[in-house]
C-alpha atoms as a PDB file:
ATOM      1  CA  UNK A   1       0.027   0.268  -0.117  1.00  0.00           C
ATOM      2  CA  UNK A   2       1.655   3.534  -0.949  1.00  0.00           C
ATOM      3  CA  UNK A   3       2.442   5.888   1.934  1.00  0.00           C
ATOM      4  CA  UNK A   4      -0.226   8.127   1.377  1.00  0.00           C
ATOM      5  CA  UNK A   5      -3.094   5.625   1.128  1.00  0.00           C
ATOM      6  CA  UNK A   6      -1.719   3.886   3.891  1.00  0.00           C
ATOM      7  CA  UNK A   7      -1.838   7.427   6.314  1.00  0.00           C
ATOM      8  CA  UNK A   8      -5.110   7.653   4.923  1.00  0.00           C
ATOM      9  CA  UNK A   9      -6.155   4.503   6.166  1.00  0.00           C
ATOM     10  CA  UNK A  10      -4.839   4.824   9.717  1.00  0.00           C
ATOM     11  CA  UNK A  11      -6.163   8.286  10.139  1.00  0.00           C
ATOM     12  CA  UNK A  12      -9.472   6.857   8.622  1.00  0.00           C
ATOM     13  CA  UNK A  13      -9.771   3.550  11.489  1.00  0.00           C
ATOM     14  CA  UNK A  14      -8.483   6.090  14.291  1.00  0.00           C
ATOM     15  CA  UNK A  15     -11.581   7.977  13.175  1.00  0.00           C
ATOM     16  CA  UNK A  16     -14.070   5.239  13.127  1.00  0.00           C
ATOM     17  CA  UNK A  17     -12.522   4.096  16.503  1.00  0.00           C
ATOM     18  CA  UNK A  18     -13.112   7.002  18.652  1.00  0.00           C
ATOM     19  CA  UNK A  19     -16.671   7.376  16.749  1.00  0.00           C
ATOM     20  CA  UNK A  20     -17.758   4.169  17.961  1.00  0.00           C
ATOM     21  CA  UNK A  21     -16.483   4.077  21.304  1.00  0.00           C
ATOM     22  CA  UNK A  22     -18.213   7.479  21.990  1.00  0.00           C
ATOM     23  CA  UNK A  23     -21.400   6.437  20.698  1.00  0.00           C
ATOM     24  CA  UNK A  24     -20.975   2.832  22.525  1.00  0.00           C
ATOM     25  CA  UNK A  25     -18.805   2.865  25.422  1.00  0.00           C
ATOM     26  CA  UNK A  26     -17.055  -0.395  26.588  1.00  0.00           C
ATOM     27  CA  UNK A  27     -18.063  -1.818  29.843  1.00  0.00           C
ATOM     28  CA  UNK A  28     -20.977   0.131  30.822  1.00  0.00           C
ATOM     29  CA  UNK A  29     -22.883  -3.400  31.803  1.00  0.00           C
ATOM     30  CA  UNK A  30     -20.051  -4.552  34.241  1.00  0.00           C
ATOM     31  CA  UNK A  31     -19.403  -8.061  32.709  1.00  0.00           C
ATOM     32  CA  UNK A  32     -15.951  -9.413  32.276  1.00  0.00           C
ATOM     33  CA  UNK A  33     -15.088 -10.658  29.388  1.00  0.00           C
ATOM     34  CA  UNK A  34     -11.860 -11.857  30.088  1.00  0.00           C
ATOM     35  CA  UNK A  35     -11.996 -13.993  33.255  1.00  0.00           C
ATOM     36  CA  UNK A  36     -12.738 -16.816  34.002  1.00  0.00           C
ATOM     37  CA  UNK A  37     -10.389 -18.255  31.857  1.00  0.00           C
ATOM     38  CA  UNK A  38     -11.680 -21.145  29.154  1.00  0.00           C
ATOM     39  CA  UNK A  39     -15.131 -20.343  29.677  1.00  0.00           C
ATOM     40  CA  UNK A  40     -16.285 -20.347  25.944  1.00  0.00           C
ATOM     41  CA  UNK A  41     -20.093 -18.454  27.419  1.00  0.00           C
ATOM     42  CA  UNK A  42     -23.142 -20.003  25.382  1.00  0.00           C
ATOM     43  CA  UNK A  43     -21.653 -19.971  22.091  1.00  0.00           C
ATOM     44  CA  UNK A  44     -17.894 -20.033  21.695  1.00  0.00           C
ATOM     45  CA  UNK A  45     -15.185 -19.689  19.360  1.00  0.00           C
ATOM     46  CA  UNK A  46     -16.475 -22.609  16.697  1.00  0.00           C
ATOM     47  CA  UNK A  47     -19.691 -20.873  16.977  1.00  0.00           C
ATOM     48  CA  UNK A  48     -21.387 -18.853  13.702  1.00  0.00           C
ATOM     49  CA  UNK A  49     -22.670 -16.062  16.583  1.00  0.00           C
ATOM     50  CA  UNK A  50     -19.422 -15.201  17.413  1.00  0.00           C
ATOM     51  CA  UNK A  51     -18.274 -14.421  13.605  1.00  0.00           C
ATOM     52  CA  UNK A  52     -21.373 -12.597  12.695  1.00  0.00           C
ATOM     53  CA  UNK A  53     -21.937 -10.463  16.038  1.00  0.00           C
ATOM     54  CA  UNK A  54     -18.022  -9.503  15.535  1.00  0.00           C
ATOM     55  CA  UNK A  55     -19.188  -7.105  12.608  1.00  0.00           C
ATOM     56  CA  UNK A  56     -20.087  -3.811  13.614  1.00  0.00           C
ATOM     57  CA  UNK A  57     -21.168  -2.465  10.720  1.00  0.00           C
ATOM     58  CA  UNK A  58     -23.684  -5.243   9.996  1.00  0.00           C
ATOM     59  CA  UNK A  59     -24.897  -5.150  13.668  1.00  0.00           C
ATOM     60  CA  UNK A  60     -25.947  -1.589  13.740  1.00  0.00           C
ATOM     61  CA  UNK A  61     -27.626  -1.077  10.185  1.00  0.00           C
ATOM     62  CA  UNK A  62     -28.889  -4.956  11.441  1.00  0.00           C
ATOM     63  CA  UNK A  63     -30.552  -3.736  14.878  1.00  0.00           C
ATOM     64  CA  UNK A  64     -31.721  -0.622  13.254  1.00  0.00           C
ATOM     65  CA  UNK A  65     -33.311  -2.723  10.125  1.00  0.00           C
ATOM     66  CA  UNK A  66     -34.892  -5.198  13.492  1.00  0.00           C
ATOM     67  CA  UNK A  67     -36.300  -2.158  14.963  1.00  0.00           C
ATOM     68  CA  UNK A  68     -38.376  -0.687  12.207  1.00  0.00           C
ATOM     69  CA  UNK A  69     -39.551  -4.181  11.561  1.00  0.00           C
ATOM     70  CA  UNK A  70     -40.655  -4.196  15.471  1.00  0.00           C
ATOM     71  CA  UNK A  71     -42.618  -1.161  15.106  1.00  0.00           C
ATOM     72  CA  UNK A  72     -44.722  -2.903  12.678  1.00  0.00           C
ATOM     73  CA  UNK A  73     -46.109  -5.271  15.734  1.00  0.00           C
ATOM     74  CA  UNK A  74     -48.389  -3.245  17.824  1.00  0.00           C
ATOM     75  CA  UNK A  75     -48.385  -5.301  20.959  1.00  0.00           C
ATOM     76  CA  UNK A  76     -44.556  -5.811  20.374  1.00  0.00           C
ATOM     77  CA  UNK A  77     -44.215  -1.940  19.695  1.00  0.00           C
ATOM     78  CA  UNK A  78     -46.958  -1.163  23.194  1.00  0.00           C
ATOM     79  CA  UNK A  79     -44.159  -2.034  25.475  1.00  0.00           C
ATOM     80  CA  UNK A  80     -41.678   0.153  24.306  1.00  0.00           C
ATOM     81  CA  UNK A  81     -44.231   3.167  23.504  1.00  0.00           C
ATOM     82  CA  UNK A  82     -45.957   2.633  27.039  1.00  0.00           C
ATOM     83  CA  UNK A  83     -42.776   1.823  29.390  1.00  0.00           C
ATOM     84  CA  UNK A  84     -39.756   3.598  28.509  1.00  0.00           C
ATOM     85  CA  UNK A  85     -38.210   6.712  27.578  1.00  0.00           C
ATOM     86  CA  UNK A  86     -36.960   6.242  24.184  1.00  0.00           C
ATOM     87  CA  UNK A  87     -38.270   9.412  23.493  1.00  0.00           C
ATOM     88  CA  UNK A  88     -35.917  11.716  25.956  1.00  0.00           C
ATOM     89  CA  UNK A  89     -33.214   8.779  25.504  1.00  0.00           C
ATOM     90  CA  UNK A  90     -33.648   6.950  22.506  1.00  0.00           C
ATOM     91  CA  UNK A  91     -29.373   6.641  21.973  1.00  0.00           C
ATOM     92  CA  UNK A  92     -29.360   4.823  25.998  1.00  0.00           C
ATOM     93  CA  UNK A  93     -31.781   2.467  24.972  1.00  0.00           C
ATOM     94  CA  UNK A  94     -29.777   1.619  21.679  1.00  0.00           C
ATOM     95  CA  UNK A  95     -26.944   1.168  24.015  1.00  0.00           C
ATOM     96  CA  UNK A  96     -28.715  -1.055  26.688  1.00  0.00           C
ATOM     97  CA  UNK A  97     -29.430  -3.187  23.413  1.00  0.00           C
ATOM     98  CA  UNK A  98     -25.703  -3.585  22.162  1.00  0.00           C
ATOM     99  CA  UNK A  99     -24.949  -4.102  25.611  1.00  0.00           C
ATOM    100  CA  UNK A 100     -27.389  -7.082  26.233  1.00  0.00           C
ATOM    101  CA  UNK A 101     -26.412  -8.470  22.688  1.00  0.00           C
ATOM    102  CA  UNK A 102     -22.672  -8.429  23.393  1.00  0.00           C
ATOM    103  CA  UNK A 103     -23.054  -9.929  26.922  1.00  0.00           C
ATOM    104  CA  UNK A 104     -25.184 -13.038  25.763  1.00  0.00           C
ATOM    105  CA  UNK A 105     -22.909 -13.155  22.675  1.00  0.00           C
ATOM    106  CA  UNK A 106     -19.677 -13.246  24.462  1.00  0.00           C
ATOM    107  CA  UNK A 107     -19.632 -13.286  28.132  1.00  0.00           C
ATOM    108  CA  UNK A 108     -18.742 -15.974  30.152  1.00  0.00           C
ATOM    109  CA  UNK A 109     -21.514 -18.588  30.974  1.00  0.00           C
ATOM    110  CA  UNK A 110     -22.513 -16.914  34.343  1.00  0.00           C
ATOM    111  CA  UNK A 111     -23.051 -13.486  33.240  1.00  0.00           C
ATOM    112  CA  UNK A 112     -25.137 -14.690  30.745  1.00  0.00           C
ATOM    113  CA  UNK A 113     -27.222 -16.159  32.829  1.00  0.00           C
ATOM    114  CA  UNK A 114     -27.461 -13.345  35.010  1.00  0.00           C
ATOM    115  CA  UNK A 115     -28.159 -11.012  32.306  1.00  0.00           C
ATOM    116  CA  UNK A 116     -30.895 -13.076  31.288  1.00  0.00           C
ATOM    117  CA  UNK A 117     -32.460 -13.217  34.536  1.00  0.00           C
ATOM    118  CA  UNK A 118     -32.190  -9.264  34.594  1.00  0.00           C
ATOM    119  CA  UNK A 119     -34.101  -9.014  31.869  1.00  0.00           C
ATOM    120  CA  UNK A 120     -36.638 -11.669  32.363  1.00  0.00           C
ATOM    121  CA  UNK A 121     -37.377  -9.483  35.263  1.00  0.00           C
ATOM    122  CA  UNK A 122     -38.082  -6.232  34.097  1.00  0.00           C
ATOM    123  CA  UNK A 123     -40.351  -8.068  31.289  1.00  0.00           C
ATOM    124  CA  UNK A 124     -42.537  -9.286  34.146  1.00  0.00           C
ATOM    125  CA  UNK A 125     -43.211  -6.333  35.008  1.00  0.00           C
ATOM    126  CA  UNK A 126     -44.153  -4.577  31.521  1.00  0.00           C
ATOM    127  CA  UNK A 127     -47.733  -5.481  30.935  1.00  0.00           C
ATOM    128  CA  UNK A 128     -50.806  -2.987  29.460  1.00  0.00           C
ATOM    129  CA  UNK A 129     -53.228  -2.512  27.273  1.00  0.00           C
ATOM    130  CA  UNK A 130     -53.498  -1.220  23.213  1.00  0.00           C
ATOM    131  CA  UNK A 131     -55.667   1.665  22.865  1.00  0.00           C
ATOM    132  CA  UNK A 132     -58.324  -0.930  21.609  1.00  0.00           C
ATOM    133  CA  UNK A 133     -58.099  -2.405  25.010  1.00  0.00           C
ATOM    134  CA  UNK A 134     -56.123  -5.606  23.856  1.00  0.00           C
ATOM    135  CA  UNK A 135     -53.882  -6.869  26.497  1.00  0.00           C
ATOM    136  CA  UNK A 136     -49.874  -7.115  25.779  1.00  0.00           C
ATOM    137  CA  UNK A 137     -47.197  -8.061  28.221  1.00  0.00           C
ATOM    138  CA  UNK A 138     -43.666  -8.160  27.552  1.00  0.00           C
ATOM    139  CA  UNK A 139     -42.677 -11.725  28.578  1.00  0.00           C
ATOM    140  CA  UNK A 140     -45.633 -12.891  26.378  1.00  0.00           C
ATOM    141  CA  UNK A 141     -43.607 -16.035  24.346  1.00  0.00           C
ATOM    142  CA  UNK A 142     -44.807 -14.750  20.815  1.00  0.00           C
ATOM    143  CA  UNK A 143     -44.022 -11.051  21.421  1.00  0.00           C
ATOM    144  CA  UNK A 144     -40.360 -12.271  22.571  1.00  0.00           C
ATOM    145  CA  UNK A 145     -40.202 -14.533  19.145  1.00  0.00           C
ATOM    146  CA  UNK A 146     -41.228 -11.515  17.309  1.00  0.00           C
ATOM    147  CA  UNK A 147     -38.489  -9.422  18.655  1.00  0.00           C
ATOM    148  CA  UNK A 148     -35.908 -11.891  18.541  1.00  0.00           C
ATOM    149  CA  UNK A 149     -36.443 -13.154  14.856  1.00  0.00           C
ATOM    150  CA  UNK A 150     -36.570  -9.753  13.763  1.00  0.00           C
ATOM    151  CA  UNK A 151     -33.331  -8.981  15.440  1.00  0.00           C
ATOM    152  CA  UNK A 152     -31.587 -12.248  14.263  1.00  0.00           C
ATOM    153  CA  UNK A 153     -32.419 -11.480  10.706  1.00  0.00           C
ATOM    154  CA  UNK A 154     -31.198  -7.673  11.326  1.00  0.00           C
ATOM    155  CA  UNK A 155     -27.887  -9.059  12.273  1.00  0.00           C
ATOM    156  CA  UNK A 156     -27.750 -11.802   9.631  1.00  0.00           C
ATOM    157  CA  UNK A 157     -28.566  -9.816   6.717  1.00  0.00           C
ATOM    158  CA  UNK A 158     -26.362  -6.822   7.994  1.00  0.00           C
ATOM    159  CA  UNK A 159     -23.343  -8.989   7.985  1.00  0.00           C
ATOM    160  CA  UNK A 160     -24.378 -10.628   4.671  1.00  0.00           C
ATOM    161  CA  UNK A 161     -24.752  -7.299   3.002  1.00  0.00           C
ATOM    162  CA  UNK A 162     -22.035  -5.309   4.392  1.00  0.00           C
ATOM    163  CA  UNK A 163     -19.373  -7.650   5.508  1.00  0.00           C
ATOM    164  CA  UNK A 164     -19.163 -10.915   4.070  1.00  0.00           C
ATOM    165  CA  UNK A 165     -20.727 -13.377   1.871  1.00  0.00           C
ATOM    166  CA  UNK A 166     -22.912 -15.723   4.234  1.00  0.00           C
ATOM    167  CA  UNK A 167     -24.061 -19.374   2.450  1.00  0.00           C
ATOM    168  CA  UNK A 168     -27.320 -20.696   3.317  1.00  0.00           C
ATOM    169  CA  UNK A 169     -25.934 -23.663   5.328  1.00  0.00           C
ATOM    170  CA  UNK A 170     -24.123 -21.040   7.850  1.00  0.00           C
ATOM    171  CA  UNK A 171     -27.376 -18.905   7.999  1.00  0.00           C
ATOM    172  CA  UNK A 172     -29.202 -21.772   9.196  1.00  0.00           C
ATOM    173  CA  UNK A 173     -26.753 -22.630  11.581  1.00  0.00           C
ATOM    174  CA  UNK A 174     -26.649 -18.907  13.171  1.00  0.00           C
ATOM    175  CA  UNK A 175     -30.666 -18.888  13.341  1.00  0.00           C
ATOM    176  CA  UNK A 176     -30.432 -22.192  15.033  1.00  0.00           C
ATOM    177  CA  UNK A 177     -27.700 -21.355  17.215  1.00  0.00           C
ATOM    178  CA  UNK A 178     -29.039 -17.987  18.198  1.00  0.00           C
ATOM    179  CA  UNK A 179     -32.397 -19.010  19.656  1.00  0.00           C
ATOM    180  CA  UNK A 180     -31.138 -19.791  22.431  1.00  0.00           C
ATOM    181  CA  UNK A 181     -31.352 -16.596  23.675  1.00  0.00           C
ATOM    182  CA  UNK A 182     -34.803 -16.195  23.037  1.00  0.00           C
ATOM    183  CA  UNK A 183     -35.824 -19.245  24.471  1.00  0.00           C
ATOM    184  CA  UNK A 184     -33.952 -18.399  27.127  1.00  0.00           C
ATOM    185  CA  UNK A 185     -36.141 -15.288  27.750  1.00  0.00           C
ATOM    186  CA  UNK A 186     -39.331 -17.569  27.344  1.00  0.00           C
ATOM    187  CA  UNK A 187     -39.620 -17.711  23.825  1.00  0.00           C
ATOM    188  CA  UNK A 188     -41.283 -20.553  21.888  1.00  0.00           C
ATOM    189  CA  UNK A 189     -41.370 -22.007  18.730  1.00  0.00           C
ATOM    190  CA  UNK A 190     -38.113 -20.061  17.316  1.00  0.00           C
ATOM    191  CA  UNK A 191     -37.223 -20.443  13.723  1.00  0.00           C
ATOM    192  CA  UNK A 192     -34.265 -22.132  13.482  1.00  0.00           C
ATOM    193  CA  UNK A 193     -33.150 -21.842   9.767  1.00  0.00           C
ATOM    194  CA  UNK A 194     -33.983 -19.267   7.270  1.00  0.00           C
ATOM    195  CA  UNK A 195     -36.208 -21.016   5.214  1.00  0.00           C
ATOM    196  CA  UNK A 196     -38.091 -20.953   8.811  1.00  0.00           C
ATOM    197  CA  UNK A 197     -37.210 -17.408   8.890  1.00  0.00           C
ATOM    198  CA  UNK A 198     -39.328 -16.193   6.052  1.00  0.00           C
ATOM    199  CA  UNK A 199     -41.902 -18.483   6.637  1.00  0.00           C
ATOM    200  CA  UNK A 200     -42.574 -16.736   9.879  1.00  0.00           C
ATOM    201  CA  UNK A 201     -42.572 -13.321   9.025  1.00  0.00           C
ATOM    202  CA  UNK A 202     -45.203 -14.602   6.313  1.00  0.00           C
ATOM    203  CA  UNK A 203     -47.360 -16.171   8.773  1.00  0.00           C
ATOM    204  CA  UNK A 204     -46.793 -12.481  10.772  1.00  0.00           C
ATOM    205  CA  UNK A 205     -47.804 -10.634   8.415  1.00  0.00           C
ATOM    206  CA  UNK A 206     -51.471 -10.156   8.682  1.00  0.00           C
ATOM    207  CA  UNK A 207     -51.085  -8.754  12.377  1.00  0.00           C
ATOM    208  CA  UNK A 208     -48.798  -6.031  11.682  1.00  0.00           C
ATOM    209  CA  UNK A 209     -49.291  -2.466  10.453  1.00  0.00           C
ATOM    210  CA  UNK A 210     -47.956   1.007  10.479  1.00  0.00           C
ATOM    211  CA  UNK A 211     -50.398   2.977  12.722  1.00  0.00           C
ATOM    212  CA  UNK A 212     -49.873   6.169  14.590  1.00  0.00           C
ATOM    213  CA  UNK A 213     -47.582   4.434  17.424  1.00  0.00           C
ATOM    214  CA  UNK A 214     -45.886   3.011  14.593  1.00  0.00           C
ATOM    215  CA  UNK A 215     -44.671   6.607  12.802  1.00  0.00           C
ATOM    216  CA  UNK A 216     -44.362   8.306  16.079  1.00  0.00           C
ATOM    217  CA  UNK A 217     -41.327   6.012  16.927  1.00  0.00           C
ATOM    218  CA  UNK A 218     -39.936   6.201  13.669  1.00  0.00           C
ATOM    219  CA  UNK A 219     -39.805   9.880  13.456  1.00  0.00           C
ATOM    220  CA  UNK A 220     -37.647   9.423  16.664  1.00  0.00           C
ATOM    221  CA  UNK A 221     -35.671   7.124  15.612  1.00  0.00           C
ATOM    222  CA  UNK A 222     -35.064   9.098  12.412  1.00  0.00           C
ATOM    223  CA  UNK A 223     -34.347  12.085  14.244  1.00  0.00           C
ATOM    224  CA  UNK A 224     -31.920  10.130  16.960  1.00  0.00           C
ATOM    225  CA  UNK A 225     -28.532  12.372  17.050  1.00  0.00           C
ATOM    226  CA  UNK A 226     -25.885   9.768  17.945  1.00  0.00           C
ATOM    227  CA  UNK A 227     -23.280  11.297  20.046  1.00  0.00           C
ATOM    228  CA  UNK A 228     -20.440  11.352  17.183  1.00  0.00           C
ATOM    229  CA  UNK A 229     -18.724  13.944  15.070  1.00  0.00           C
ATOM    230  CA  UNK A 230     -21.283  14.426  11.685  1.00  0.00           C
ATOM    231  CA  UNK A 231     -24.730  13.048  13.633  1.00  0.00           C
ATOM    232  CA  UNK A 232     -26.659  13.477  11.097  1.00  0.00           C
ATOM    233  CA  UNK A 233     -24.395  12.232   8.531  1.00  0.00           C
ATOM    234  CA  UNK A 234     -23.951   8.981  11.079  1.00  0.00           C
ATOM    235  CA  UNK A 235     -27.228   8.827  11.561  1.00  0.00           C
ATOM    236  CA  UNK A 236     -29.022   8.704   8.003  1.00  0.00           C
ATOM    237  CA  UNK A 237     -26.048   6.524   6.769  1.00  0.00           C
ATOM    238  CA  UNK A 238     -26.874   3.663   9.032  1.00  0.00           C
ATOM    239  CA  UNK A 239     -30.375   4.145   9.158  1.00  0.00           C
ATOM    240  CA  UNK A 240     -30.774   4.496   5.553  1.00  0.00           C
ATOM    241  CA  UNK A 241     -28.024   1.087   5.057  1.00  0.00           C
ATOM    242  CA  UNK A 242     -30.680  -0.529   8.081  1.00  0.00           C
ATOM    243  CA  UNK A 243     -33.935   0.387   5.797  1.00  0.00           C
ATOM    244  CA  UNK A 244     -31.876  -1.295   2.379  1.00  0.00           C
ATOM    245  CA  UNK A 245     -32.161  -4.793   4.768  1.00  0.00           C
ATOM    246  CA  UNK A 246     -36.193  -4.832   5.419  1.00  0.00           C
ATOM    247  CA  UNK A 247     -38.057  -7.058   2.977  1.00  0.00           C
ATOM    248  CA  UNK A 248     -40.002  -5.712   0.486  1.00  0.00           C
ATOM    249  CA  UNK A 249     -43.550  -6.290   2.134  1.00  0.00           C
ATOM    250  CA  UNK A 250     -41.989  -4.109   4.963  1.00  0.00           C
ATOM    251  CA  UNK A 251     -40.476  -1.396   3.091  1.00  0.00           C
ATOM    252  CA  UNK A 252     -43.842  -0.789   1.157  1.00  0.00           C
ATOM    253  CA  UNK A 253     -45.739  -1.201   4.819  1.00  0.00           C
ATOM    254  CA  UNK A 254     -43.357   1.455   6.330  1.00  0.00           C
ATOM    255  CA  UNK A 255     -44.568   3.481   2.736  1.00  0.00           C
ATOM    256  CA  UNK A 256     -40.414   4.483   2.218  1.00  0.00           C
ATOM    257  CA  UNK A 257     -40.701   6.847  -0.815  1.00  0.00           C
ATOM    258  CA  UNK A 258     -38.901   6.289  -3.838  1.00  0.00           C
ATOM    259  CA  UNK A 259     -36.782   9.091  -2.821  1.00  0.00           C
ATOM    260  CA  UNK A 260     -35.659   7.079   0.283  1.00  0.00           C
ATOM    261  CA  UNK A 261     -35.141   4.056  -1.244  1.00  0.00           C
ATOM    262  CA  UNK A 262     -32.404   5.747  -3.492  1.00  0.00           C
ATOM    263  CA  UNK A 263     -30.699   6.983  -0.356  1.00  0.00           C
ATOM    264  CA  UNK A 264     -31.000   3.285   1.066  1.00  0.00           C
ATOM    265  CA  UNK A 265     -28.747   2.019  -2.217  1.00  0.00           C
ATOM    266  CA  UNK A 266     -26.589   4.784  -1.754  1.00  0.00           C
ATOM    267  CA  UNK A 267     -25.981   4.118   1.656  1.00  0.00           C
ATOM    268  CA  UNK A 268     -25.577   0.210   1.356  1.00  0.00           C
ATOM    269  CA  UNK A 269     -22.861   0.970  -0.833  1.00  0.00           C
ATOM    270  CA  UNK A 270     -20.803   3.577   1.276  1.00  0.00           C
ATOM    271  CA  UNK A 271     -20.975   1.231   4.568  1.00  0.00           C
ATOM    272  CA  UNK A 272     -19.789  -1.832   2.027  1.00  0.00           C
ATOM    273  CA  UNK A 273     -16.932  -0.089   1.071  1.00  0.00           C
ATOM    274  CA  UNK A 274     -16.180   1.127   4.279  1.00  0.00           C
ATOM    275  CA  UNK A 275     -16.651  -1.830   6.315  1.00  0.00           C
ATOM    276  CA  UNK A 276     -13.002  -3.169   6.236  1.00  0.00           C
ATOM    277  CA  UNK A 277     -12.123  -0.135   7.817  1.00  0.00           C
ATOM    278  CA  UNK A 278     -14.585  -0.705  11.275  1.00  0.00           C
ATOM    279  CA  UNK A 279     -12.840  -4.021  11.179  1.00  0.00           C
ATOM    280  CA  UNK A 280      -9.364  -2.662  11.639  1.00  0.00           C
ATOM    281  CA  UNK A 281     -10.699   0.413  13.499  1.00  0.00           C
ATOM    282  CA  UNK A 282     -12.373  -2.309  16.306  1.00  0.00           C
ATOM    283  CA  UNK A 283      -9.718  -5.129  16.132  1.00  0.00           C
ATOM    284  CA  UNK A 284      -9.098  -5.118  20.147  1.00  0.00           C
ATOM    285  CA  UNK A 285     -13.200  -5.193  21.208  1.00  0.00           C
ATOM    286  CA  UNK A 286     -14.942  -7.625  23.156  1.00  0.00           C
ATOM    287  CA  UNK A 287     -15.231 -10.647  20.268  1.00  0.00           C
ATOM    288  CA  UNK A 288     -11.474 -10.252  20.207  1.00  0.00           C
ATOM    289  CA  UNK A 289     -11.394 -10.641  24.786  1.00  0.00           C
ATOM    290  CA  UNK A 290     -13.498 -13.206  24.354  1.00  0.00           C
ATOM    291  CA  UNK A 291     -11.340 -15.354  22.009  1.00  0.00           C
ATOM    292  CA  UNK A 292      -8.362 -14.701  24.206  1.00  0.00           C
ATOM    293  CA  UNK A 293     -10.410 -15.490  27.077  1.00  0.00           C
ATOM    294  CA  UNK A 294     -10.465 -19.095  25.496  1.00  0.00           C
ATOM    295  CA  UNK A 295      -7.073 -19.109  24.217  1.00  0.00           C
ATOM    296  CA  UNK A 296      -7.953 -18.467  20.453  1.00  0.00           C
ATOM    297  CA  UNK A 297      -6.398 -16.361  18.073  1.00  0.00           C
ATOM    298  CA  UNK A 298      -8.944 -13.552  17.252  1.00  0.00           C
ATOM    299  CA  UNK A 299      -7.992 -14.274  13.268  1.00  0.00           C
ATOM    300  CA  UNK A 300     -10.362 -17.361  13.844  1.00  0.00           C
ATOM    301  CA  UNK A 301     -13.667 -14.976  13.557  1.00  0.00           C
ATOM    302  CA  UNK A 302     -12.769 -14.208   9.687  1.00  0.00           C
ATOM    303  CA  UNK A 303     -13.361 -17.834   8.727  1.00  0.00           C
ATOM    304  CA  UNK A 304     -16.561 -19.640   8.794  1.00  0.00           C
ATOM    305  CA  UNK A 305     -16.354 -22.904  11.332  1.00  0.00           C
ATOM    306  CA  UNK A 306     -15.953 -26.343   9.896  1.00  0.00           C
END
């Protein structure tokens, strides 16, 4: 690599690293990812989950895609709408979700179990009624399945679109592995393959809608200011890249315009081109620490397991 290109790349990766750590600071959850030694957690170095969840651009864009899908389910949305401060602190909510995914993916087993139990206790307190009187509860197995499937779909497709090719067999293995978290929270009948996820989405569509509450949450999401330089640019790129992952039926239901669709096409190309810089900038992250905890070279994360 020419010297000038190398200097530009080094400067870019350093800036990306600062942006990410300012937006999503590490060690906020109090989880120790370094000890105890040789503890693989729930997935371990031979898992597909460790590899897919190590790709930051795919995870962030995929997480935003999941949020857009989740707001289409009235009962799933209600728990956030009625019981959280998303209007005032959406960034905080995104950080808490990021911490949960990181902990359940990479933490030692005892820490994973503690995080799961804490979330189960929170879910048990989230109950209410929709404006039409329909009851909802955050620990409803059907709602837990919906939230999990939208997240798993977003993470997988984000990695596939922006970070690396994912064969169908690897996608199936990911869905089968990662459903362990959903089932521990109380989800049931969780899809375990790519084909099952697509069939699940088709079966769920009759109860989905884009209503006034959905639009309010989408407006808040669209206006979020990430605590990084050029927050509007960062937000717009990642939101558009997340929207690019939506299934066609969801994009139509949300009502995205042709201009928004074209913006997503451009954002997807940009994110795909800069994804390798994120990998370099974040080469000392949680996935790396988890590999070292179990005595593995972090380079294994760049290859699919046998």
